[in-house]
């Protein structure tokens, strides 16, 4: 699924997604993933906090908020979900500092998060995330993290 939104994601959106998936018997409910860029990245963080047990993995890209966005990510709620966040260090739309703070907090509490920084890149990084991630600088929050360097291989290896 690739839902689009013109507002921030919330419980209603998640309920709608769950209802659609429930009616699709071929979906492996042990392998439901959530990814998003920019507002979709915000949604990735928001939705996983609403129901942390629903997703097998999450991959937000430039998703920690705009310059003036209040902090909205409670890492204690999502620390056990395999996360791989991506951000360009020259992003002037959604500054990297908020995502770096999330990563530092995940590291501090033993969360399961990988973080890739795209050096010299701005907000337009989604294609890079699906290509050779060895070009980005990837850090792991701890020993729980799968070091696989290719996003889709990493993603499809995750299972609840």
N, C-alpha and C. Protein backbone atom coordinates (compact mmCIF):
# COMPACT_ATOMS: atom_id res chain seq x y z
N UNK A 1 0.84 -1.17 0.00
CA UNK A 1 0.00 0.00 0.00
C UNK A 1 0.89 1.23 0.00
N UNK A 2 0.43 2.29 -0.61
CA UNK A 2 1.15 3.55 -0.61
C UNK A 2 0.14 4.68 -0.39
N UNK A 3 -0.39 4.77 0.83
CA UNK A 3 -1.38 5.82 1.08
C UNK A 3 -0.77 7.20 1.04
N UNK A 4 -1.55 8.16 0.63
CA UNK A 4 -1.14 9.56 0.59
C UNK A 4 -1.98 10.33 1.61
N UNK A 5 -1.42 11.39 2.15
CA UNK A 5 -2.16 12.18 3.14
C UNK A 5 -1.82 13.65 2.97
N UNK A 6 -2.78 14.48 3.30
CA UNK A 6 -2.53 15.93 3.29
C UNK A 6 -2.65 16.48 4.71
N UNK A 7 -2.59 15.58 5.68
CA UNK A 7 -2.60 15.96 7.09
C UNK A 7 -1.75 14.95 7.84
N UNK A 8 -1.42 15.26 9.09
CA UNK A 8 -0.60 14.33 9.87
C UNK A 8 -1.36 13.03 10.12
N UNK A 9 -0.63 11.95 10.17
CA UNK A 9 -1.21 10.63 10.39
C UNK A 9 -1.71 10.51 11.82
N UNK A 10 -2.77 9.71 12.03
CA UNK A 10 -3.34 9.54 13.36
C UNK A 10 -3.97 8.16 13.50
N UNK A 11 -4.66 7.94 14.63
CA UNK A 11 -5.28 6.64 14.92
C UNK A 11 -6.29 6.22 13.86
N UNK A 12 -7.03 7.18 13.32
CA UNK A 12 -8.03 6.86 12.30
C UNK A 12 -7.36 6.29 11.05
N UNK A 13 -6.27 6.91 10.64
CA UNK A 13 -5.54 6.40 9.47
C UNK A 13 -5.05 4.97 9.72
N UNK A 14 -4.50 4.73 10.91
CA UNK A 14 -4.01 3.39 11.21
C UNK A 14 -5.16 2.38 11.23
N UNK A 15 -6.29 2.76 11.79
CA UNK A 15 -7.46 1.86 11.80
C UNK A 15 -7.90 1.53 10.38
N UNK A 16 -7.89 2.51 9.51
CA UNK A 16 -8.27 2.29 8.11
C UNK A 16 -7.29 1.34 7.41
N UNK A 17 -6.01 1.54 7.67
CA UNK A 17 -4.99 0.66 7.08
C UNK A 17 -5.17 -0.77 7.58
N UNK A 18 -5.40 -0.91 8.88
CA UNK A 18 -5.61 -2.24 9.46
C UNK A 18 -6.83 -2.93 8.86
N UNK A 19 -7.89 -2.17 8.65
CA UNK A 19 -9.12 -2.74 8.08
C UNK A 19 -8.88 -3.26 6.66
N UNK A 20 -8.13 -2.52 5.88
CA UNK A 20 -7.81 -2.95 4.51
C UNK A 20 -6.96 -4.22 4.54
N UNK A 21 -5.93 -4.21 5.37
CA UNK A 21 -5.03 -5.36 5.45
C UNK A 21 -5.76 -6.60 5.97
N UNK A 22 -6.66 -6.40 6.91
CA UNK A 22 -7.43 -7.53 7.48
C UNK A 22 -8.21 -8.27 6.40
N UNK A 23 -8.67 -7.53 5.40
CA UNK A 23 -9.45 -8.13 4.31
C UNK A 23 -8.59 -8.71 3.19
N UNK A 24 -7.30 -8.72 3.37
CA UNK A 24 -6.38 -9.28 2.37
C UNK A 24 -5.72 -10.52 2.96
N UNK A 25 -6.31 -11.69 2.76
CA UNK A 25 -5.79 -12.90 3.40
C UNK A 25 -4.37 -13.29 2.99
N UNK A 26 -3.89 -12.78 1.88
CA UNK A 26 -2.55 -13.14 1.44
C UNK A 26 -1.45 -12.35 2.15
N UNK A 27 -1.83 -11.36 2.95
CA UNK A 27 -0.83 -10.55 3.66
C UNK A 27 -0.27 -11.34 4.84
N UNK A 28 1.03 -11.42 4.92
CA UNK A 28 1.71 -12.05 6.06
C UNK A 28 1.74 -11.02 7.18
N UNK A 29 0.90 -11.19 8.18
CA UNK A 29 0.79 -10.20 9.25
C UNK A 29 2.00 -10.18 10.17
N UNK A 30 2.92 -11.11 9.98
CA UNK A 30 4.18 -11.09 10.72
C UNK A 30 5.21 -10.21 10.01
N UNK A 31 4.87 -9.73 8.80
CA UNK A 31 5.81 -8.95 7.99
C UNK A 31 5.14 -7.69 7.43
N UNK A 32 4.56 -6.92 8.31
CA UNK A 32 3.97 -5.64 7.88
C UNK A 32 4.99 -4.56 8.19
N UNK A 33 5.36 -3.80 7.15
CA UNK A 33 6.39 -2.78 7.27
C UNK A 33 5.79 -1.41 6.99
N UNK A 34 6.43 -0.39 7.54
CA UNK A 34 5.99 0.98 7.29
C UNK A 34 7.22 1.81 6.92
N UNK A 35 7.09 2.54 5.81
CA UNK A 35 8.16 3.41 5.32
C UNK A 35 7.52 4.73 4.91
N UNK A 36 8.28 5.79 4.95
CA UNK A 36 7.77 7.06 4.47
C UNK A 36 8.86 8.11 4.43
N UNK A 37 8.69 9.07 3.54
CA UNK A 37 9.64 10.18 3.41
C UNK A 37 8.95 11.48 3.74
N UNK A 38 9.64 12.36 4.45
CA UNK A 38 9.15 13.68 4.83
C UNK A 38 7.88 13.53 5.67
N UNK A 39 6.74 14.01 5.19
CA UNK A 39 5.51 13.85 5.97
C UNK A 39 5.20 12.36 6.19
N UNK A 40 5.55 11.53 5.22
CA UNK A 40 5.40 10.09 5.39
C UNK A 40 6.36 9.53 6.43
N UNK A 41 7.52 10.16 6.55
CA UNK A 41 8.47 9.78 7.61
C UNK A 41 7.93 10.17 8.97
N UNK A 42 7.32 11.37 9.05
CA UNK A 42 6.67 11.78 10.31
C UNK A 42 5.61 10.74 10.66
N UNK A 43 4.81 10.37 9.65
CA UNK A 43 3.75 9.39 9.85
C UNK A 43 4.28 8.04 10.31
N UNK A 44 5.43 7.66 9.80
CA UNK A 44 6.05 6.40 10.22
C UNK A 44 6.30 6.41 11.72
N UNK A 45 6.89 7.50 12.21
CA UNK A 45 7.12 7.62 13.66
C UNK A 45 5.80 7.69 14.44
N UNK A 46 4.85 8.47 13.95
CA UNK A 46 3.57 8.64 14.65
C UNK A 46 2.81 7.31 14.74
N UNK A 47 2.63 6.65 13.60
CA UNK A 47 1.84 5.43 13.54
C UNK A 47 2.47 4.31 14.37
N UNK A 48 3.79 4.19 14.35
CA UNK A 48 4.42 3.13 15.14
C UNK A 48 4.27 3.38 16.63
N UNK A 49 4.16 4.63 17.04
CA UNK A 49 3.94 4.93 18.46
C UNK A 49 2.52 4.56 18.88
N UNK A 50 1.57 4.66 17.96
CA UNK A 50 0.18 4.33 18.27
C UNK A 50 0.03 2.84 18.52
N UNK A 51 0.66 2.01 17.69
CA UNK A 51 0.58 0.56 17.87
C UNK A 51 1.94 -0.07 17.54
N UNK A 52 2.86 -0.05 18.50
CA UNK A 52 4.21 -0.57 18.26
C UNK A 52 4.27 -2.06 17.94
N UNK A 53 3.24 -2.80 18.27
CA UNK A 53 3.26 -4.24 18.04
C UNK A 53 2.74 -4.65 16.66
N UNK A 54 2.27 -3.70 15.89
CA UNK A 54 1.66 -4.02 14.60
C UNK A 54 2.69 -4.23 13.48
N UNK A 55 3.80 -3.54 13.57
CA UNK A 55 4.77 -3.52 12.47
C UNK A 55 6.00 -4.36 12.78
N UNK A 56 6.51 -5.03 11.75
CA UNK A 56 7.73 -5.82 11.88
C UNK A 56 8.97 -4.95 11.76
N UNK A 57 8.86 -3.81 11.08
CA UNK A 57 9.99 -2.90 10.91
C UNK A 57 9.48 -1.56 10.37
N UNK A 58 10.32 -0.54 10.54
CA UNK A 58 9.97 0.80 10.08
C UNK A 58 11.20 1.49 9.50
N UNK A 59 10.96 2.31 8.46
CA UNK A 59 12.06 3.03 7.82
C UNK A 59 11.63 4.45 7.46
N UNK A 60 11.73 5.37 8.41
CA UNK A 60 11.42 6.77 8.11
C UNK A 60 12.59 7.46 7.42
N UNK A 61 12.28 8.36 6.52
CA UNK A 61 13.28 9.13 5.80
C UNK A 61 12.94 10.61 5.98
N UNK A 62 13.89 11.38 6.50
CA UNK A 62 13.67 12.81 6.76
C UNK A 62 12.35 13.01 7.50
N UNK A 63 12.15 12.22 8.55
CA UNK A 63 10.83 12.17 9.16
C UNK A 63 10.69 12.66 10.57
N UNK A 64 11.65 13.37 11.09
CA UNK A 64 11.57 13.76 12.50
C UNK A 64 10.95 15.14 12.72
N UNK A 65 10.47 15.76 11.68
CA UNK A 65 9.77 17.03 11.85
C UNK A 65 10.41 18.19 11.13
N UNK A 66 9.57 19.20 10.87
CA UNK A 66 10.04 20.44 10.26
C UNK A 66 10.81 21.25 11.29
N UNK A 67 11.36 22.38 10.86
CA UNK A 67 12.15 23.23 11.76
C UNK A 67 11.39 23.59 13.03
N UNK A 68 10.11 23.94 12.89
CA UNK A 68 9.33 24.41 14.03
C UNK A 68 8.44 23.34 14.65
N UNK A 69 8.55 22.11 14.21
CA UNK A 69 7.72 21.03 14.74
C UNK A 69 8.12 20.71 16.17
N UNK A 70 7.12 20.64 17.05
CA UNK A 70 7.41 20.23 18.42
C UNK A 70 7.81 18.76 18.41
N UNK A 71 8.59 18.37 19.41
CA UNK A 71 9.00 16.97 19.49
C UNK A 71 7.78 16.08 19.66
N UNK A 72 7.72 15.01 18.90
CA UNK A 72 6.56 14.13 18.92
C UNK A 72 6.94 12.65 18.97
N UNK A 73 8.20 12.36 19.13
CA UNK A 73 8.65 10.98 19.10
C UNK A 73 9.05 10.53 20.50
N UNK A 74 8.33 9.55 21.03
CA UNK A 74 8.64 8.95 22.33
C UNK A 74 9.32 7.61 22.05
N UNK A 75 10.65 7.62 22.11
CA UNK A 75 11.40 6.42 21.72
C UNK A 75 11.11 5.22 22.62
N UNK A 76 10.64 5.45 23.83
CA UNK A 76 10.34 4.31 24.71
C UNK A 76 9.22 3.45 24.13
N UNK A 77 8.36 4.04 23.31
CA UNK A 77 7.25 3.29 22.71
C UNK A 77 7.68 2.46 21.50
N UNK A 78 8.77 2.86 20.86
CA UNK A 78 9.16 2.21 19.59
C UNK A 78 10.52 1.52 19.65
N UNK A 79 11.11 1.45 20.82
CA UNK A 79 12.49 0.95 20.95
C UNK A 79 12.68 -0.50 20.50
N UNK A 80 11.61 -1.29 20.52
CA UNK A 80 11.75 -2.70 20.16
C UNK A 80 11.44 -3.00 18.69
N UNK A 81 10.99 -2.00 17.95
CA UNK A 81 10.74 -2.17 16.52
C UNK A 81 12.05 -1.95 15.78
N UNK A 82 12.44 -2.84 14.88
CA UNK A 82 13.61 -2.55 14.06
C UNK A 82 13.35 -1.30 13.20
N UNK A 83 14.11 -0.26 13.44
CA UNK A 83 14.00 1.01 12.72
C UNK A 83 15.27 1.23 11.92
N UNK A 84 15.10 1.80 10.72
CA UNK A 84 16.25 2.29 9.96
C UNK A 84 15.85 3.66 9.43
N UNK A 85 16.43 4.69 10.02
CA UNK A 85 16.13 6.06 9.63
C UNK A 85 17.20 6.59 8.68
N UNK A 86 16.77 7.46 7.77
CA UNK A 86 17.65 8.06 6.77
C UNK A 86 17.48 9.57 6.79
N UNK A 87 18.59 10.30 6.60
CA UNK A 87 18.49 11.76 6.57
C UNK A 87 19.69 12.35 5.84
N UNK A 88 19.44 13.39 5.06
CA UNK A 88 20.51 14.16 4.43
C UNK A 88 21.02 15.20 5.42
N UNK A 89 22.33 15.35 5.53
CA UNK A 89 22.85 16.29 6.53
C UNK A 89 22.69 17.76 6.13
N UNK A 90 22.27 18.02 4.90
CA UNK A 90 22.00 19.40 4.46
C UNK A 90 20.51 19.63 4.23
N UNK A 91 19.66 18.87 4.89
CA UNK A 91 18.21 19.00 4.73
C UNK A 91 17.74 20.29 5.40
N UNK A 92 17.23 21.23 4.61
CA UNK A 92 16.75 22.48 5.18
C UNK A 92 15.22 22.49 5.34
N UNK A 93 14.56 21.39 4.99
CA UNK A 93 13.11 21.26 5.18
C UNK A 93 12.84 20.59 6.53
N UNK A 94 13.44 19.45 6.73
CA UNK A 94 13.34 18.69 8.00
C UNK A 94 14.77 18.51 8.51
N UNK A 95 15.23 19.41 9.35
CA UNK A 95 16.63 19.36 9.78
C UNK A 95 17.02 18.03 10.44
N UNK A 96 18.24 17.63 10.19
CA UNK A 96 18.74 16.35 10.67
C UNK A 96 18.89 16.29 12.18
N UNK A 97 19.03 17.44 12.85
CA UNK A 97 19.31 17.43 14.29
C UNK A 97 18.24 16.69 15.09
N UNK A 98 16.98 16.80 14.67
CA UNK A 98 15.91 16.10 15.40
C UNK A 98 16.03 14.59 15.24
N UNK A 99 16.39 14.13 14.06
CA UNK A 99 16.57 12.70 13.84
C UNK A 99 17.80 12.19 14.59
N UNK A 100 18.85 13.00 14.64
CA UNK A 100 20.05 12.61 15.40
C UNK A 100 19.71 12.48 16.89
N UNK A 101 18.83 13.34 17.38
CA UNK A 101 18.41 13.26 18.78
C UNK A 101 17.63 11.97 19.02
N UNK A 102 16.74 11.62 18.10
CA UNK A 102 15.99 10.36 18.22
C UNK A 102 16.97 9.19 18.26
N UNK A 103 17.94 9.19 17.37
CA UNK A 103 18.93 8.10 17.33
C UNK A 103 19.71 8.03 18.64
N UNK A 104 20.14 9.18 19.16
CA UNK A 104 20.89 9.21 20.42
C UNK A 104 20.04 8.65 21.57
N UNK A 105 18.76 9.00 21.58
CA UNK A 105 17.87 8.48 22.63
C UNK A 105 17.67 6.97 22.48
N UNK A 106 17.53 6.50 21.25
CA UNK A 106 17.38 5.06 21.02
C UNK A 106 18.65 4.32 21.48
N UNK A 107 19.79 4.90 21.18
CA UNK A 107 21.05 4.29 21.58
C UNK A 107 21.14 4.22 23.11
N UNK A 108 20.71 5.29 23.75
CA UNK A 108 20.78 5.39 25.22
C UNK A 108 19.92 4.33 25.90
N UNK A 109 18.74 4.02 25.33
CA UNK A 109 17.83 3.07 25.98
C UNK A 109 17.92 1.66 25.38
N UNK A 110 18.89 1.44 24.51
CA UNK A 110 19.06 0.12 23.91
C UNK A 110 18.05 -0.21 22.84
N UNK A 111 17.59 0.82 22.14
CA UNK A 111 16.62 0.62 21.06
C UNK A 111 17.24 -0.06 19.86
N UNK A 112 16.39 -0.51 18.96
CA UNK A 112 16.81 -1.24 17.77
C UNK A 112 16.72 -0.31 16.57
N UNK A 113 17.75 0.51 16.38
CA UNK A 113 17.70 1.52 15.31
C UNK A 113 19.02 1.63 14.57
N UNK A 114 18.89 1.73 13.26
CA UNK A 114 20.02 2.06 12.39
C UNK A 114 19.76 3.48 11.90
N UNK A 115 20.82 4.22 11.65
CA UNK A 115 20.66 5.59 11.18
C UNK A 115 21.68 5.86 10.08
N UNK A 116 21.19 6.21 8.89
CA UNK A 116 22.07 6.53 7.77
C UNK A 116 22.02 8.01 7.47
N UNK A 117 23.19 8.62 7.47
CA UNK A 117 23.34 10.03 7.10
C UNK A 117 23.88 10.09 5.68
N UNK A 118 23.19 10.86 4.85
CA UNK A 118 23.67 11.09 3.49
C UNK A 118 24.43 12.41 3.49
N UNK A 119 25.75 12.33 3.41
CA UNK A 119 26.62 13.50 3.45
C UNK A 119 26.39 14.40 2.24
N UNK A 120 26.22 15.69 2.51
CA UNK A 120 26.06 16.68 1.46
C UNK A 120 24.71 16.68 0.78
N UNK A 121 23.78 15.88 1.28
CA UNK A 121 22.45 15.77 0.65
C UNK A 121 21.41 16.58 1.41
N UNK A 122 20.41 17.03 0.67
CA UNK A 122 19.31 17.78 1.24
C UNK A 122 18.10 16.89 1.49
N UNK A 123 16.93 17.42 1.16
CA UNK A 123 15.67 16.73 1.47
C UNK A 123 15.32 15.64 0.45
N UNK A 124 15.87 15.70 -0.74
CA UNK A 124 15.49 14.76 -1.81
C UNK A 124 16.30 13.48 -1.81
N UNK A 125 16.18 12.68 -0.77
CA UNK A 125 17.01 11.47 -0.65
C UNK A 125 16.30 10.14 -0.85
N UNK A 126 14.99 10.08 -1.10
CA UNK A 126 14.33 8.77 -1.13
C UNK A 126 14.96 7.74 -2.06
N UNK A 127 15.37 8.12 -3.25
CA UNK A 127 15.94 7.15 -4.18
C UNK A 127 17.24 6.57 -3.62
N UNK A 128 18.03 7.39 -2.96
CA UNK A 128 19.28 6.92 -2.37
C UNK A 128 19.04 5.81 -1.35
N UNK A 129 17.94 5.91 -0.63
CA UNK A 129 17.65 4.92 0.41
C UNK A 129 17.47 3.52 -0.16
N UNK A 130 17.05 3.43 -1.42
CA UNK A 130 16.78 2.13 -2.03
C UNK A 130 17.92 1.66 -2.92
N UNK A 131 19.00 2.41 -2.95
CA UNK A 131 20.16 2.02 -3.76
C UNK A 131 21.27 1.56 -2.83
N UNK A 132 22.49 1.67 -3.24
CA UNK A 132 23.63 1.18 -2.47
C UNK A 132 23.85 2.03 -1.22
N UNK A 133 23.42 1.52 -0.08
CA UNK A 133 23.54 2.28 1.17
C UNK A 133 24.95 2.35 1.71
N UNK A 134 25.91 1.71 1.04
CA UNK A 134 27.29 1.82 1.49
C UNK A 134 27.83 3.22 1.23
N UNK A 135 27.10 4.01 0.43
CA UNK A 135 27.52 5.39 0.16
C UNK A 135 27.13 6.33 1.30
N UNK A 136 26.20 5.91 2.13
CA UNK A 136 25.81 6.71 3.30
C UNK A 136 26.61 6.25 4.51
N UNK A 137 26.59 7.07 5.55
CA UNK A 137 27.26 6.73 6.80
C UNK A 137 26.21 6.13 7.74
N UNK A 138 26.24 4.82 7.93
CA UNK A 138 25.24 4.14 8.76
C UNK A 138 25.82 3.78 10.12
N UNK A 139 25.06 4.15 11.16
CA UNK A 139 25.42 3.82 12.54
C UNK A 139 24.36 2.88 13.11
N UNK A 140 24.76 2.06 14.06
CA UNK A 140 23.85 1.15 14.73
C UNK A 140 23.70 1.59 16.19
N UNK A 141 22.49 1.49 16.73
CA UNK A 141 22.27 1.90 18.12
C UNK A 141 22.77 0.85 19.11
N UNK A 142 23.02 -0.36 18.64
CA UNK A 142 23.50 -1.40 19.54
C UNK A 142 23.60 -2.74 18.84
N UNK A 143 23.86 -3.77 19.64
CA UNK A 143 24.07 -5.12 19.10
C UNK A 143 22.81 -5.76 18.53
N UNK A 144 21.64 -5.25 18.87
CA UNK A 144 20.38 -5.82 18.37
C UNK A 144 20.16 -5.52 16.89
N UNK A 145 20.87 -4.56 16.35
CA UNK A 145 20.63 -4.10 14.98
C UNK A 145 21.22 -5.04 13.94
N UNK A 146 20.44 -5.30 12.92
CA UNK A 146 20.88 -6.09 11.78
C UNK A 146 21.77 -5.21 10.91
N UNK A 147 23.04 -5.59 10.70
CA UNK A 147 23.96 -4.74 9.94
C UNK A 147 23.80 -4.78 8.43
N UNK A 148 22.82 -5.52 7.91
CA UNK A 148 22.60 -5.61 6.45
C UNK A 148 22.63 -4.21 5.83
N UNK A 149 23.47 -3.98 4.79
CA UNK A 149 23.61 -2.64 4.22
C UNK A 149 22.60 -2.26 3.14
N UNK A 150 21.75 -3.17 2.70
CA UNK A 150 20.78 -2.87 1.64
C UNK A 150 19.38 -2.83 2.25
N UNK A 151 18.70 -1.71 2.08
CA UNK A 151 17.41 -1.49 2.74
C UNK A 151 16.41 -2.61 2.50
N UNK A 152 16.14 -2.96 1.26
CA UNK A 152 15.11 -3.96 1.00
C UNK A 152 15.49 -5.34 1.54
N UNK A 153 16.75 -5.71 1.47
CA UNK A 153 17.18 -6.98 2.07
C UNK A 153 16.98 -6.94 3.58
N UNK A 154 17.37 -5.82 4.19
CA UNK A 154 17.18 -5.64 5.64
C UNK A 154 15.70 -5.72 5.99
N UNK A 155 14.90 -4.97 5.24
CA UNK A 155 13.47 -4.88 5.54
C UNK A 155 12.81 -6.25 5.49
N UNK A 156 13.03 -6.98 4.39
CA UNK A 156 12.35 -8.26 4.22
C UNK A 156 12.89 -9.36 5.14
N UNK A 157 14.00 -9.10 5.80
CA UNK A 157 14.52 -10.05 6.79
C UNK A 157 13.84 -9.87 8.15
N UNK A 158 13.13 -8.75 8.32
CA UNK A 158 12.48 -8.46 9.61
C UNK A 158 11.14 -9.16 9.70
N UNK A 159 10.89 -9.74 10.86
CA UNK A 159 9.64 -10.46 11.10
C UNK A 159 9.32 -10.34 12.58
N UNK A 160 8.03 -10.20 12.90
CA UNK A 160 7.64 -10.12 14.31
C UNK A 160 7.82 -11.47 14.98
